[in-house]
Amino acid sequence: MVEMPATIRNANGIHCRPSAIIAKEAMHYRGEIQVVTDAGVCDPRSVMALITMGLHEGAKVLIRVTGPGERECCKKFVEIFQRHFDFPPLDESEKKDLPKVVAASLQQTSLQAQAPD
């Protein structure tokens, strides 16, 4: 297990679009990734979980990764969480992909909720 701190630097915090980018990236990792804050712990594969964490500019998070290539993965997610997102309006291909990412994230969250302990 590897843990690294990160500070949210995006002026608007981690809202819908950054959450979708984070979730899409997290879905590529086979191990476990957690985002830890004073408010709790979430799986960054879930757009809704990220949004409900209320990660505003200046918020401190701990990125926790367990699995293959955990150090590299953890560094990558620290960089993503500390990124300054500057979003222009969505282009047509992004508009098409965003519902897929959100749907995949919701499906992942649903499967985790149904999994026995």
C-alpha atoms as a PDB file:
ATOM      1  CA  MET A   1       0.000   0.000   0.000  1.00  0.00           C
ATOM      2  CA  VAL A   2       1.214   3.497  -0.899  1.00  0.00           C
ATOM      3  CA  GLU A   3      -0.249   6.744   0.442  1.00  0.00           C
ATOM      4  CA  MET A   4       0.519  10.266  -0.753  1.00  0.00           C
ATOM      5  CA  PRO A   5      -1.060  13.620   0.144  1.00  0.00           C
ATOM      6  CA  ALA A   6      -2.495  15.993  -2.438  1.00  0.00           C
ATOM      7  CA  THR A   7      -4.037  19.457  -2.326  1.00  0.00           C
ATOM      8  CA  ILE A   8      -6.877  20.395  -4.664  1.00  0.00           C
ATOM      9  CA  ARG A   9      -5.654  23.297  -6.785  1.00  0.00           C
ATOM     10  CA  ASN A  10      -8.487  23.661  -9.265  1.00  0.00           C
ATOM     11  CA  ALA A  11     -10.264  26.968  -8.616  1.00  0.00           C
ATOM     12  CA  ASN A  12     -13.681  25.297  -8.877  1.00  0.00           C
ATOM     13  CA  GLY A  13     -12.686  22.194  -6.940  1.00  0.00           C
ATOM     14  CA  ILE A  14     -13.442  18.679  -8.109  1.00  0.00           C
ATOM     15  CA  HIS A  15     -16.826  19.100  -9.781  1.00  0.00           C
ATOM     16  CA  CYS A  16     -18.520  17.005 -12.503  1.00  0.00           C
ATOM     17  CA  ARG A  17     -15.977  17.274 -15.298  1.00  0.00           C
ATOM     18  CA  PRO A  18     -12.823  16.705 -13.226  1.00  0.00           C
ATOM     19  CA  SER A  19     -14.638  13.852 -11.464  1.00  0.00           C
ATOM     20  CA  ALA A  20     -15.398  12.223 -14.819  1.00  0.00           C
ATOM     21  CA  ILE A  21     -11.738  12.510 -15.851  1.00  0.00           C
ATOM     22  CA  ILE A  22     -10.572  11.032 -12.544  1.00  0.00           C
ATOM     23  CA  ALA A  23     -13.122   8.193 -12.697  1.00  0.00           C
ATOM     24  CA  LYS A  24     -12.183   7.342 -16.273  1.00  0.00           C
ATOM     25  CA  GLU A  25      -8.506   7.153 -15.324  1.00  0.00           C
ATOM     26  CA  ALA A  26      -9.240   5.121 -12.174  1.00  0.00           C
ATOM     27  CA  MET A  27     -11.151   2.511 -14.161  1.00  0.00           C
ATOM     28  CA  HIS A  28      -7.907   1.561 -15.920  1.00  0.00           C
ATOM     29  CA  TYR A  29      -6.212   0.489 -12.671  1.00  0.00           C
ATOM     30  CA  ARG A  30      -6.719  -3.103 -11.531  1.00  0.00           C
ATOM     31  CA  GLY A  31      -5.830  -2.517  -7.893  1.00  0.00           C
ATOM     32  CA  GLU A  32      -7.625  -0.532  -5.222  1.00  0.00           C
ATOM     33  CA  ILE A  33      -7.570   3.265  -5.138  1.00  0.00           C
ATOM     34  CA  GLN A  34      -9.044   5.320  -2.320  1.00  0.00           C
ATOM     35  CA  VAL A  35      -9.411   9.039  -1.759  1.00  0.00           C
ATOM     36  CA  VAL A  36      -9.336   9.830   1.955  1.00  0.00           C
ATOM     37  CA  THR A  37     -10.529  13.119   3.486  1.00  0.00           C
ATOM     38  CA  ASP A  38     -11.878  14.270   6.837  1.00  0.00           C
ATOM     39  CA  ALA A  39     -15.333  13.573   5.351  1.00  0.00           C
ATOM     40  CA  GLY A  40     -14.553   9.917   4.674  1.00  0.00           C
ATOM     41  CA  VAL A  41     -13.190   7.556   2.047  1.00  0.00           C
ATOM     42  CA  CYS A  42     -14.322   7.097  -1.543  1.00  0.00           C
ATOM     43  CA  ASP A  43     -13.476   5.026  -4.582  1.00  0.00           C
ATOM     44  CA  PRO A  44     -12.481   7.444  -7.360  1.00  0.00           C
ATOM     45  CA  ARG A  45     -14.085   5.151  -9.942  1.00  0.00           C
ATOM     46  CA  SER A  46     -17.379   6.701  -8.809  1.00  0.00           C
ATOM     47  CA  VAL A  47     -18.114  10.157 -10.203  1.00  0.00           C
ATOM     48  CA  MET A  48     -20.916  10.626  -7.680  1.00  0.00           C
ATOM     49  CA  ALA A  49     -18.703   9.637  -4.745  1.00  0.00           C
ATOM     50  CA  LEU A  50     -16.069  12.159  -5.822  1.00  0.00           C
ATOM     51  CA  ILE A  51     -18.629  14.924  -6.217  1.00  0.00           C
ATOM     52  CA  THR A  52     -20.221  14.253  -2.826  1.00  0.00           C
ATOM     53  CA  MET A  53     -16.811  14.522  -1.127  1.00  0.00           C
ATOM     54  CA  GLY A  54     -17.087  18.301  -1.684  1.00  0.00           C
ATOM     55  CA  LEU A  55     -13.458  18.714  -2.719  1.00  0.00           C
ATOM     56  CA  HIS A  56     -13.000  22.479  -3.010  1.00  0.00           C
ATOM     57  CA  GLU A  57      -9.846  24.418  -3.867  1.00  0.00           C
ATOM     58  CA  GLY A  58      -7.337  24.004  -1.043  1.00  0.00           C
ATOM     59  CA  ALA A  59      -8.897  20.780   0.276  1.00  0.00           C
ATOM     60  CA  LYS A  60      -6.405  18.174   1.464  1.00  0.00           C
ATOM     61  CA  VAL A  61      -6.785  14.556   0.386  1.00  0.00           C
ATOM     62  CA  LEU A  62      -4.783  11.394   0.850  1.00  0.00           C
ATOM     63  CA  ILE A  63      -4.477   9.111  -2.160  1.00  0.00           C
ATOM     64  CA  ARG A  64      -4.173   5.456  -1.105  1.00  0.00           C
ATOM     65  CA  VAL A  65      -3.296   2.773  -3.671  1.00  0.00           C
ATOM     66  CA  THR A  66      -2.887  -0.972  -3.230  1.00  0.00           C
ATOM     67  CA  GLY A  67      -1.934  -3.290  -6.076  1.00  0.00           C
ATOM     68  CA  PRO A  68       0.410  -3.637  -9.028  1.00  0.00           C
ATOM     69  CA  GLY A  69       2.431  -0.517  -9.812  1.00  0.00           C
ATOM     70  CA  GLU A  70       0.952   1.203  -6.778  1.00  0.00           C
ATOM     71  CA  ARG A  71       3.688   3.843  -6.400  1.00  0.00           C
ATOM     72  CA  GLU A  72       3.398   5.005 -10.022  1.00  0.00           C
ATOM     73  CA  CYS A  73      -0.391   4.934  -9.840  1.00  0.00           C
ATOM     74  CA  CYS A  74      -0.415   6.939  -6.617  1.00  0.00           C
ATOM     75  CA  LYS A  75       1.907   9.582  -8.104  1.00  0.00           C
ATOM     76  CA  LYS A  76      -0.316   9.810 -11.177  1.00  0.00           C
ATOM     77  CA  PHE A  77      -3.438  10.399  -9.082  1.00  0.00           C
ATOM     78  CA  VAL A  78      -1.702  12.997  -6.917  1.00  0.00           C
ATOM     79  CA  GLU A  79      -0.865  14.855 -10.144  1.00  0.00           C
ATOM     80  CA  ILE A  80      -4.450  14.555 -11.382  1.00  0.00           C
ATOM     81  CA  PHE A  81      -5.971  15.777  -8.105  1.00  0.00           C
ATOM     82  CA  GLN A  82      -3.541  18.718  -8.006  1.00  0.00           C
ATOM     83  CA  ARG A  83      -4.167  19.690 -11.650  1.00  0.00           C
ATOM     84  CA  HIS A  84      -5.538  23.098 -12.584  1.00  0.00           C
ATOM     85  CA  PHE A  85      -8.437  22.145 -14.850  1.00  0.00           C
ATOM     86  CA  ASP A  86      -9.252  24.869 -17.368  1.00  0.00           C
ATOM     87  CA  PHE A  87     -12.249  23.656 -19.292  1.00  0.00           C
ATOM     88  CA  PRO A  88     -13.332  25.142 -22.592  1.00  0.00           C
ATOM     89  CA  PRO A  89     -16.829  24.202 -23.759  1.00  0.00           C
ATOM     90  CA  LEU A  90     -17.209  20.482 -24.501  1.00  0.00           C
ATOM     91  CA  ASP A  91     -16.616  19.427 -28.095  1.00  0.00           C
ATOM     92  CA  GLU A  92     -18.959  16.904 -29.727  1.00  0.00           C
ATOM     93  CA  SER A  93     -16.789  13.826 -29.021  1.00  0.00           C
ATOM     94  CA  GLU A  94     -16.536  14.762 -25.327  1.00  0.00           C
ATOM     95  CA  LYS A  95     -20.293  15.211 -25.140  1.00  0.00           C
ATOM     96  CA  LYS A  96     -20.661  11.673 -26.475  1.00  0.00           C
ATOM     97  CA  ASP A  97     -18.094  10.173 -24.055  1.00  0.00           C
ATOM     98  CA  LEU A  98     -19.208  11.876 -20.842  1.00  0.00           C
ATOM     99  CA  PRO A  99     -22.468   9.892 -20.414  1.00  0.00           C
ATOM    100  CA  LYS A 100     -20.527   6.644 -20.978  1.00  0.00           C
ATOM    101  CA  VAL A 101     -18.025   7.528 -18.270  1.00  0.00           C
ATOM    102  CA  VAL A 102     -20.760   8.516 -15.822  1.00  0.00           C
ATOM    103  CA  ALA A 103     -22.777   5.372 -16.653  1.00  0.00           C
ATOM    104  CA  ALA A 104     -19.718   3.140 -16.187  1.00  0.00           C
ATOM    105  CA  SER A 105     -18.986   4.852 -12.894  1.00  0.00           C
ATOM    106  CA  LEU A 106     -22.564   4.365 -11.700  1.00  0.00           C
ATOM    107  CA  GLN A 107     -22.463   0.712 -12.740  1.00  0.00           C
ATOM    108  CA  GLN A 108     -19.195   0.207 -10.833  1.00  0.00           C
ATOM    109  CA  THR A 109     -20.711   1.850  -7.752  1.00  0.00           C
ATOM    110  CA  SER A 110     -23.810  -0.342  -8.033  1.00  0.00           C
ATOM    111  CA  LEU A 111     -21.723  -3.510  -8.327  1.00  0.00           C
ATOM    112  CA  GLN A 112     -19.675  -2.543  -5.277  1.00  0.00           C
ATOM    113  CA  ALA A 113     -22.841  -1.903  -3.280  1.00  0.00           C
ATOM    114  CA  GLN A 114     -24.178  -5.340  -4.207  1.00  0.00           C
ATOM    115  CA  ALA A 115     -20.954  -7.215  -3.425  1.00  0.00           C
ATOM    116  CA  PRO A 116     -21.087  -9.275  -0.229  1.00  0.00           C
ATOM    117  CA  ASP A 117     -18.620  -8.284   2.503  1.00  0.00           C
END
